[in-house]
């Protein structure tokens, strides 16, 4: 996980935080979270930034864990002879 600080070319617009999904107003600078390959994942709000790097990293890792597929419950089908 990487954090990038960039100048914001269009400040004072509403944006959704990629960690908490709360809406926030952008400022002159923006903090962008990226995966280890450098792919941008989204902007981080001031509230999440205030939680600190460790908290942000934990949230990011939780959001990017592979989803566990729900258990599939198989019913045993019992063959019943049809009498004529």
PDB file of N, CA and C in Angstrom:
ATOM      1  N   UNK A   1       0.839  -1.173   0.000  1.00  0.00           N
ATOM      2  CA  UNK A   1       0.000   0.000   0.000  1.00  0.00           C
ATOM      3  C   UNK A   1       0.884   1.235   0.000  1.00  0.00           C
ATOM      4  N   UNK A   2       0.487   2.220  -0.768  1.00  0.00           N
ATOM      5  CA  UNK A   2       1.223   3.475  -0.861  1.00  0.00           C
ATOM      6  C   UNK A   2       0.245   4.630  -0.718  1.00  0.00           C
ATOM      7  N   UNK A   3       0.709   5.715  -0.135  1.00  0.00           N
ATOM      8  CA  UNK A   3      -0.070   6.950  -0.085  1.00  0.00           C
ATOM      9  C   UNK A   3       0.641   7.989  -0.935  1.00  0.00           C
ATOM     10  N   UNK A   4      -0.110   8.682  -1.775  1.00  0.00           N
ATOM     11  CA  UNK A   4       0.446   9.748  -2.603  1.00  0.00           C
ATOM     12  C   UNK A   4      -0.255  11.043  -2.236  1.00  0.00           C
ATOM     13  N   UNK A   5       0.512  12.095  -2.118  1.00  0.00           N
ATOM     14  CA  UNK A   5      -0.055  13.429  -1.899  1.00  0.00           C
ATOM     15  C   UNK A   5       0.150  14.213  -3.178  1.00  0.00           C
ATOM     16  N   UNK A   6      -0.951  14.705  -3.726  1.00  0.00           N
ATOM     17  CA  UNK A   6      -0.896  15.413  -5.000  1.00  0.00           C
ATOM     18  C   UNK A   6      -1.661  16.718  -4.904  1.00  0.00           C
ATOM     19  N   UNK A   7      -1.297  17.655  -5.760  1.00  0.00           N
ATOM     20  CA  UNK A   7      -2.080  18.886  -5.889  1.00  0.00           C
ATOM     21  C   UNK A   7      -3.412  18.524  -6.521  1.00  0.00           C
ATOM     22  N   UNK A   8      -4.455  19.138  -6.039  1.00  0.00           N
ATOM     23  CA  UNK A   8      -5.793  18.875  -6.548  1.00  0.00           C
ATOM     24  C   UNK A   8      -6.149  19.960  -7.560  1.00  0.00           C
ATOM     25  N   UNK A   9      -6.368  19.566  -8.784  1.00  0.00           N
ATOM     26  CA  UNK A   9      -6.671  20.538  -9.844  1.00  0.00           C
ATOM     27  C   UNK A   9      -8.094  21.083  -9.748  1.00  0.00           C
ATOM     28  N   UNK A  10      -8.965  20.415  -9.019  1.00  0.00           N
ATOM     29  CA  UNK A  10     -10.348  20.891  -8.874  1.00  0.00           C
ATOM     30  C   UNK A  10     -10.791  20.780  -7.417  1.00  0.00           C
ATOM     31  N   UNK A  11     -10.278  21.685  -6.553  1.00  0.00           N
ATOM     32  CA  UNK A  11     -10.656  21.629  -5.132  1.00  0.00           C
ATOM     33  C   UNK A  11     -12.114  22.031  -4.902  1.00  0.00           C
ATOM     34  N   UNK A  12     -12.582  21.729  -3.722  1.00  0.00           N
ATOM     35  CA  UNK A  12     -13.908  22.111  -3.234  1.00  0.00           C
ATOM     36  C   UNK A  12     -15.048  21.392  -3.956  1.00  0.00           C
ATOM     37  N   UNK A  13     -14.806  20.158  -4.330  1.00  0.00           N
ATOM     38  CA  UNK A  13     -15.848  19.303  -4.882  1.00  0.00           C
ATOM     39  C   UNK A  13     -16.091  18.168  -3.904  1.00  0.00           C
ATOM     40  N   UNK A  14     -17.246  17.548  -3.999  1.00  0.00           N
ATOM     41  CA  UNK A  14     -17.568  16.412  -3.132  1.00  0.00           C
ATOM     42  C   UNK A  14     -16.938  15.139  -3.701  1.00  0.00           C
ATOM     43  N   UNK A  15     -16.379  14.334  -2.817  1.00  0.00           N
ATOM     44  CA  UNK A  15     -15.704  13.093  -3.193  1.00  0.00           C
ATOM     45  C   UNK A  15     -16.058  12.037  -2.156  1.00  0.00           C
ATOM     46  N   UNK A  16     -16.085  10.770  -2.559  1.00  0.00           N
ATOM     47  CA  UNK A  16     -16.304   9.671  -1.615  1.00  0.00           C
ATOM     48  C   UNK A  16     -14.963   9.087  -1.211  1.00  0.00           C
ATOM     49  N   UNK A  17     -14.788   8.863   0.085  1.00  0.00           N
ATOM     50  CA  UNK A  17     -13.576   8.242   0.600  1.00  0.00           C
ATOM     51  C   UNK A  17     -13.575   6.763   0.215  1.00  0.00           C
ATOM     52  N   UNK A  18     -12.446   6.281  -0.282  1.00  0.00           N
ATOM     53  CA  UNK A  18     -12.373   4.882  -0.704  1.00  0.00           C
ATOM     54  C   UNK A  18     -12.284   3.922   0.481  1.00  0.00           C
ATOM     55  N   UNK A  19     -12.034   4.425   1.692  1.00  0.00           N
ATOM     56  CA  UNK A  19     -11.956   3.559   2.863  1.00  0.00           C
ATOM     57  C   UNK A  19     -13.260   3.502   3.643  1.00  0.00           C
ATOM     58  N   UNK A  20     -13.848   4.664   3.920  1.00  0.00           N
ATOM     59  CA  UNK A  20     -15.055   4.698   4.768  1.00  0.00           C
ATOM     60  C   UNK A  20     -16.324   5.032   3.987  1.00  0.00           C
ATOM     61  N   UNK A  21     -16.195   5.398   2.746  1.00  0.00           N
ATOM     62  CA  UNK A  21     -17.280   5.768   1.820  1.00  0.00           C
ATOM     63  C   UNK A  21     -18.063   7.012   2.245  1.00  0.00           C
ATOM     64  N   UNK A  22     -17.525   7.796   3.183  1.00  0.00           N
ATOM     65  CA  UNK A  22     -18.170   9.061   3.538  1.00  0.00           C
ATOM     66  C   UNK A  22     -17.839  10.115   2.485  1.00  0.00           C
ATOM     67  N   UNK A  23     -18.764  11.017   2.276  1.00  0.00           N
ATOM     68  CA  UNK A  23     -18.559  12.116   1.347  1.00  0.00           C
ATOM     69  C   UNK A  23     -17.769  13.216   2.061  1.00  0.00           C
ATOM     70  N   UNK A  24     -16.814  13.813   1.346  1.00  0.00           N
ATOM     71  CA  UNK A  24     -16.046  14.914   1.923  1.00  0.00           C
ATOM     72  C   UNK A  24     -15.718  15.918   0.827  1.00  0.00           C
ATOM     73  N   UNK A  25     -15.435  17.143   1.253  1.00  0.00           N
ATOM     74  CA  UNK A  25     -15.087  18.198   0.308  1.00  0.00           C
ATOM     75  C   UNK A  25     -13.580  18.170   0.086  1.00  0.00           C
ATOM     76  N   UNK A  26     -13.175  18.110  -1.180  1.00  0.00           N
ATOM     77  CA  UNK A  26     -11.752  18.078  -1.490  1.00  0.00           C
ATOM     78  C   UNK A  26     -11.118  19.440  -1.211  1.00  0.00           C
ATOM     79  N   UNK A  27      -9.832  19.414  -0.942  1.00  0.00           N
ATOM     80  CA  UNK A  27      -9.063  20.639  -0.671  1.00  0.00           C
ATOM     81  C   UNK A  27      -8.021  20.834  -1.765  1.00  0.00           C
ATOM     82  N   UNK A  28      -7.051  21.710  -1.538  1.00  0.00           N
ATOM     83  CA  UNK A  28      -6.027  22.009  -2.533  1.00  0.00           C
ATOM     84  C   UNK A  28      -5.093  20.820  -2.760  1.00  0.00           C
ATOM     85  N   UNK A  29      -4.940  19.975  -1.751  1.00  0.00           N
ATOM     86  CA  UNK A  29      -4.118  18.764  -1.886  1.00  0.00           C
ATOM     87  C   UNK A  29      -5.013  17.560  -1.635  1.00  0.00           C
ATOM     88  N   UNK A  30      -4.645  16.432  -2.227  1.00  0.00           N
ATOM     89  CA  UNK A  30      -5.426  15.210  -2.036  1.00  0.00           C
ATOM     90  C   UNK A  30      -4.487  14.064  -1.692  1.00  0.00           C
ATOM     91  N   UNK A  31      -4.981  13.168  -0.855  1.00  0.00           N
ATOM     92  CA  UNK A  31      -4.224  11.966  -0.511  1.00  0.00           C
ATOM     93  C   UNK A  31      -4.875  10.806  -1.251  1.00  0.00           C
ATOM     94  N   UNK A  32      -4.076  10.125  -2.051  1.00  0.00           N
ATOM     95  CA  UNK A  32      -4.555   9.012  -2.862  1.00  0.00           C
ATOM     96  C   UNK A  32      -3.898   7.738  -2.364  1.00  0.00           C
ATOM     97  N   UNK A  33      -4.696   6.696  -2.203  1.00  0.00           N
ATOM     98  CA  UNK A  33      -4.171   5.409  -1.773  1.00  0.00           C
ATOM     99  C   UNK A  33      -4.003   4.527  -3.008  1.00  0.00           C
ATOM    100  N   UNK A  34      -2.862   3.826  -3.051  1.00  0.00           N
ATOM    101  CA  UNK A  34      -2.537   2.952  -4.182  1.00  0.00           C
ATOM    102  C   UNK A  34      -2.145   1.577  -3.657  1.00  0.00           C
ATOM    103  N   UNK A  35      -2.323   0.575  -4.498  1.00  0.00           N
ATOM    104  CA  UNK A  35      -1.866  -0.757  -4.112  1.00  0.00           C
ATOM    105  C   UNK A  35      -0.355  -0.838  -4.295  1.00  0.00           C
ATOM    106  N   UNK A  36       0.226  -1.993  -3.985  1.00  0.00           N
ATOM    107  CA  UNK A  36       1.680  -2.153  -4.068  1.00  0.00           C
ATOM    108  C   UNK A  36       2.225  -2.030  -5.480  1.00  0.00           C
ATOM    109  N   UNK A  37       1.370  -2.206  -6.476  1.00  0.00           N
ATOM    110  CA  UNK A  37       1.800  -2.063  -7.868  1.00  0.00           C
ATOM    111  C   UNK A  37       1.685  -0.618  -8.350  1.00  0.00           C
ATOM    112  N   UNK A  38       1.180   0.283  -7.487  1.00  0.00           N
ATOM    113  CA  UNK A  38       1.057   1.690  -7.839  1.00  0.00           C
ATOM    114  C   UNK A  38      -0.257   2.050  -8.485  1.00  0.00           C
ATOM    115  N   UNK A  39      -1.197   1.095  -8.544  1.00  0.00           N
ATOM    116  CA  UNK A  39      -2.503   1.368  -9.132  1.00  0.00           C
ATOM    117  C   UNK A  39      -3.342   2.179  -8.152  1.00  0.00           C
ATOM    118  N   UNK A  40      -3.858   3.299  -8.625  1.00  0.00           N
ATOM    119  CA  UNK A  40      -4.661   4.183  -7.779  1.00  0.00           C
ATOM    120  C   UNK A  40      -5.964   3.505  -7.386  1.00  0.00           C
ATOM    121  N   UNK A  41      -6.281   3.543  -6.085  1.00  0.00           N
ATOM    122  CA  UNK A  41      -7.513   2.929  -5.582  1.00  0.00           C
ATOM    123  C   UNK A  41      -8.556   3.964  -5.183  1.00  0.00           C
ATOM    124  N   UNK A  42      -8.135   5.194  -4.915  1.00  0.00           N
ATOM    125  CA  UNK A  42      -9.083   6.245  -4.585  1.00  0.00           C
ATOM    126  C   UNK A  42      -8.519   7.255  -3.606  1.00  0.00           C
ATOM    127  N   UNK A  43      -9.354   8.245  -3.291  1.00  0.00           N
ATOM    128  CA  UNK A  43      -8.946   9.293  -2.358  1.00  0.00           C
ATOM    129  C   UNK A  43      -9.340   8.934  -0.936  1.00  0.00           C
ATOM    130  N   UNK A  44      -8.575   9.481   0.011  1.00  0.00           N
ATOM    131  CA  UNK A  44      -8.803   9.234   1.428  1.00  0.00           C
ATOM    132  C   UNK A  44      -9.255  10.541   2.082  1.00  0.00           C
ATOM    133  N   UNK A  45     -10.304  10.456   2.897  1.00  0.00           N
ATOM    134  CA  UNK A  45     -10.860  11.654   3.540  1.00  0.00           C
ATOM    135  C   UNK A  45     -10.006  12.084   4.744  1.00  0.00           C
ATOM    136  N   UNK A  46     -10.162  13.346   5.177  1.00  0.00           N
ATOM    137  CA  UNK A  46      -9.404  13.829   6.326  1.00  0.00           C
ATOM    138  C   UNK A  46      -9.651  13.012   7.605  1.00  0.00           C
ATOM    139  N   UNK A  47     -10.859  12.508   7.787  1.00  0.00           N
ATOM    140  CA  UNK A  47     -11.155  11.706   8.980  1.00  0.00           C
ATOM    141  C   UNK A  47     -10.338  10.434   9.023  1.00  0.00           C
ATOM    142  N   UNK A  48     -10.218   9.757   7.884  1.00  0.00           N
ATOM    143  CA  UNK A  48      -9.416   8.528   7.824  1.00  0.00           C
ATOM    144  C   UNK A  48      -7.928   8.849   7.946  1.00  0.00           C
ATOM    145  N   UNK A  49      -7.489   9.946   7.325  1.00  0.00           N
ATOM    146  CA  UNK A  49      -6.091  10.348   7.445  1.00  0.00           C
ATOM    147  C   UNK A  49      -5.747  10.592   8.914  1.00  0.00           C
ATOM    148  N   UNK A  50      -6.681  11.192   9.638  1.00  0.00           N
ATOM    149  CA  UNK A  50      -6.472  11.478  11.060  1.00  0.00           C
ATOM    150  C   UNK A  50      -6.319  10.229  11.921  1.00  0.00           C
ATOM    151  N   UNK A  51      -6.771   9.083  11.428  1.00  0.00           N
ATOM    152  CA  UNK A  51      -6.640   7.830  12.172  1.00  0.00           C
ATOM    153  C   UNK A  51      -5.199   7.303  12.148  1.00  0.00           C
ATOM    154  N   UNK A  52      -4.400   7.778  11.209  1.00  0.00           N
ATOM    155  CA  UNK A  52      -2.994   7.376  11.157  1.00  0.00           C
ATOM    156  C   UNK A  52      -2.729   6.290  10.115  1.00  0.00           C
ATOM    157  N   UNK A  53      -1.440   6.133   9.809  1.00  0.00           N
ATOM    158  CA  UNK A  53      -1.032   5.218   8.746  1.00  0.00           C
ATOM    159  C   UNK A  53      -1.395   3.768   9.062  1.00  0.00           C
ATOM    160  N   UNK A  54      -1.154   3.317  10.282  1.00  0.00           N
ATOM    161  CA  UNK A  54      -1.437   1.916  10.635  1.00  0.00           C
ATOM    162  C   UNK A  54      -2.911   1.596  10.449  1.00  0.00           C
ATOM    163  N   UNK A  55      -3.780   2.498  10.880  1.00  0.00           N
ATOM    164  CA  UNK A  55      -5.223   2.287  10.731  1.00  0.00           C
ATOM    165  C   UNK A  55      -5.602   2.238   9.255  1.00  0.00           C
ATOM    166  N   UNK A  56      -5.064   3.170   8.471  1.00  0.00           N
ATOM    167  CA  UNK A  56      -5.345   3.202   7.031  1.00  0.00           C
ATOM    168  C   UNK A  56      -4.890   1.899   6.383  1.00  0.00           C
ATOM    169  N   UNK A  57      -3.706   1.445   6.729  1.00  0.00           N
ATOM    170  CA  UNK A  57      -3.175   0.207   6.161  1.00  0.00           C
ATOM    171  C   UNK A  57      -4.069  -0.981   6.503  1.00  0.00           C
ATOM    172  N   UNK A  58      -4.517  -1.065   7.761  1.00  0.00           N
ATOM    173  CA  UNK A  58      -5.413  -2.161   8.171  1.00  0.00           C
ATOM    174  C   UNK A  58      -6.726  -2.117   7.401  1.00  0.00           C
ATOM    175  N   UNK A  59      -7.316  -0.936   7.267  1.00  0.00           N
ATOM    176  CA  UNK A  59      -8.572  -0.797   6.523  1.00  0.00           C
ATOM    177  C   UNK A  59      -8.381  -1.207   5.069  1.00  0.00           C
ATOM    178  N   UNK A  60      -7.294  -0.756   4.464  1.00  0.00           N
ATOM    179  CA  UNK A  60      -7.006  -1.069   3.065  1.00  0.00           C
ATOM    180  C   UNK A  60      -6.851  -2.572   2.875  1.00  0.00           C
ATOM    181  N   UNK A  61      -6.121  -3.222   3.791  1.00  0.00           N
ATOM    182  CA  UNK A  61      -5.918  -4.668   3.686  1.00  0.00           C
ATOM    183  C   UNK A  61      -7.232  -5.421   3.849  1.00  0.00           C
ATOM    184  N   UNK A  62      -8.085  -4.973   4.765  1.00  0.00           N
ATOM    185  CA  UNK A  62      -9.382  -5.627   4.954  1.00  0.00           C
ATOM    186  C   UNK A  62     -10.243  -5.497   3.705  1.00  0.00           C
ATOM    187  N   UNK A  63     -10.222  -4.328   3.083  1.00  0.00           N
ATOM    188  CA  UNK A  63     -11.027  -4.106   1.885  1.00  0.00           C
ATOM    189  C   UNK A  63     -10.515  -4.900   0.690  1.00  0.00           C
ATOM    190  N   UNK A  64      -9.238  -5.243   0.702  1.00  0.00           N
ATOM    191  CA  UNK A  64      -8.645  -5.923  -0.444  1.00  0.00           C
ATOM    192  C   UNK A  64      -8.397  -7.404  -0.217  1.00  0.00           C
ATOM    193  N   UNK A  65      -8.916  -7.948   0.884  1.00  0.00           N
ATOM    194  CA  UNK A  65      -8.809  -9.393   1.097  1.00  0.00           C
ATOM    195  C   UNK A  65      -9.716 -10.095   0.103  1.00  0.00           C
ATOM    196  N   UNK A  66      -9.270 -11.234  -0.408  1.00  0.00           N
ATOM    197  CA  UNK A  66     -10.152 -11.985  -1.304  1.00  0.00           C
ATOM    198  C   UNK A  66     -11.440 -12.352  -0.571  1.00  0.00           C
ATOM    199  N   UNK A  67     -12.530 -12.187  -1.262  1.00  0.00           N
ATOM    200  CA  UNK A  67     -13.827 -12.500  -0.663  1.00  0.00           C
ATOM    201  C   UNK A  67     -13.973 -14.007  -0.525  1.00  0.00           C
ATOM    202  N   UNK A  68     -14.369 -14.429   0.655  1.00  0.00           N
ATOM    203  CA  UNK A  68     -14.634 -15.849   0.864  1.00  0.00           C
ATOM    204  C   UNK A  68     -15.993 -16.166   0.261  1.00  0.00           C
ATOM    205  N   UNK A  69     -16.030 -17.217  -0.495  1.00  0.00           N
ATOM    206  CA  UNK A  69     -17.306 -17.586  -1.096  1.00  0.00           C
ATOM    207  C   UNK A  69     -18.187 -18.215  -0.023  1.00  0.00           C
ATOM    208  N   UNK A  70     -19.471 -17.938  -0.071  1.00  0.00           N
ATOM    209  CA  UNK A  70     -20.357 -18.529   0.924  1.00  0.00           C
ATOM    210  C   UNK A  70     -20.357 -20.038   0.796  1.00  0.00           C
ATOM    211  N   UNK A  71     -20.508 -20.678   1.913  1.00  0.00           N
ATOM    212  CA  UNK A  71     -20.541 -22.145   1.894  1.00  0.00           C
ATOM    213  C   UNK A  71     -21.738 -22.628   1.106  1.00  0.00           C
ATOM    214  N   UNK A  72     -21.468 -23.611   0.323  1.00  0.00           N
ATOM    215  CA  UNK A  72     -22.551 -24.218  -0.434  1.00  0.00           C
ATOM    216  C   UNK A  72     -22.967 -25.469   0.310  1.00  0.00           C
ATOM    217  N   UNK A  73     -24.195 -25.508   0.696  1.00  0.00           N
ATOM    218  CA  UNK A  73     -24.707 -26.669   1.410  1.00  0.00           C
ATOM    219  C   UNK A  73     -25.337 -27.612   0.396  1.00  0.00           C
ATOM    220  N   UNK A  74     -24.824 -28.795   0.344  1.00  0.00           N
ATOM    221  CA  UNK A  74     -25.341 -29.793  -0.576  1.00  0.00           C
ATOM    222  C   UNK A  74     -26.316 -30.678   0.170  1.00  0.00           C
ATOM    223  N   UNK A  75     -27.452 -30.857  -0.403  1.00  0.00           N
ATOM    224  CA  UNK A  75     -28.417 -31.797   0.163  1.00  0.00           C
ATOM    225  C   UNK A  75     -28.200 -33.147  -0.479  1.00  0.00           C
ATOM    226  N   UNK A  76     -28.266 -34.142   0.331  1.00  0.00           N
ATOM    227  CA  UNK A  76     -28.136 -35.483  -0.208  1.00  0.00           C
ATOM    228  C   UNK A  76     -29.478 -35.851  -0.832  1.00  0.00           C
ATOM    229  N   UNK A  77     -29.423 -36.167  -2.094  1.00  0.00           N
ATOM    230  CA  UNK A  77     -30.642 -36.544  -2.802  1.00  0.00           C
ATOM    231  C   UNK A  77     -30.795 -38.049  -2.681  1.00  0.00           C
ATOM    232  N   UNK A  78     -31.923 -38.444  -2.190  1.00  0.00           N
ATOM    233  CA  UNK A  78     -32.173 -39.864  -2.002  1.00  0.00           C
ATOM    234  C   UNK A  78     -33.066 -40.359  -3.149  1.00  0.00           C
ATOM    235  N   UNK A  79     -32.615 -41.435  -3.753  1.00  0.00           N
ATOM    236  CA  UNK A  79     -33.388 -41.986  -4.854  1.00  0.00           C
ATOM    237  C   UNK A  79     -34.558 -42.766  -4.281  1.00  0.00           C
ATOM    238  N   UNK A  80     -35.735 -42.445  -4.764  1.00  0.00           N
ATOM    239  CA  UNK A  80     -36.945 -43.141  -4.315  1.00  0.00           C
ATOM    240  C   UNK A  80     -37.544 -43.827  -5.542  1.00  0.00           C
ATOM    241  N   UNK A  81     -37.718 -45.157  -5.473  1.00  0.00           N
ATOM    242  CA  UNK A  81     -38.297 -45.841  -6.631  1.00  0.00           C
ATOM    243  C   UNK A  81     -39.740 -45.400  -6.854  1.00  0.00           C
ATOM    244  N   UNK A  82     -40.071 -45.254  -8.107  1.00  0.00           N
ATOM    245  CA  UNK A  82     -41.454 -44.891  -8.470  1.00  0.00           C
ATOM    246  C   UNK A  82     -42.195 -46.199  -8.747  1.00  0.00           C
ATOM    247  N   UNK A  83     -43.219 -46.439  -7.964  1.00  0.00           N
ATOM    248  CA  UNK A  83     -43.981 -47.675  -8.173  1.00  0.00           C
ATOM    249  C   UNK A  83     -45.089 -47.420  -9.177  1.00  0.00           C
ATOM    250  N   UNK A  84     -45.268 -48.366 -10.067  1.00  0.00           N
ATOM    251  CA  UNK A  84     -46.256 -48.224 -11.121  1.00  0.00           C
ATOM    252  C   UNK A  84     -47.546 -48.901 -10.787  1.00  0.00           C
TER     253      UNK A  84
END
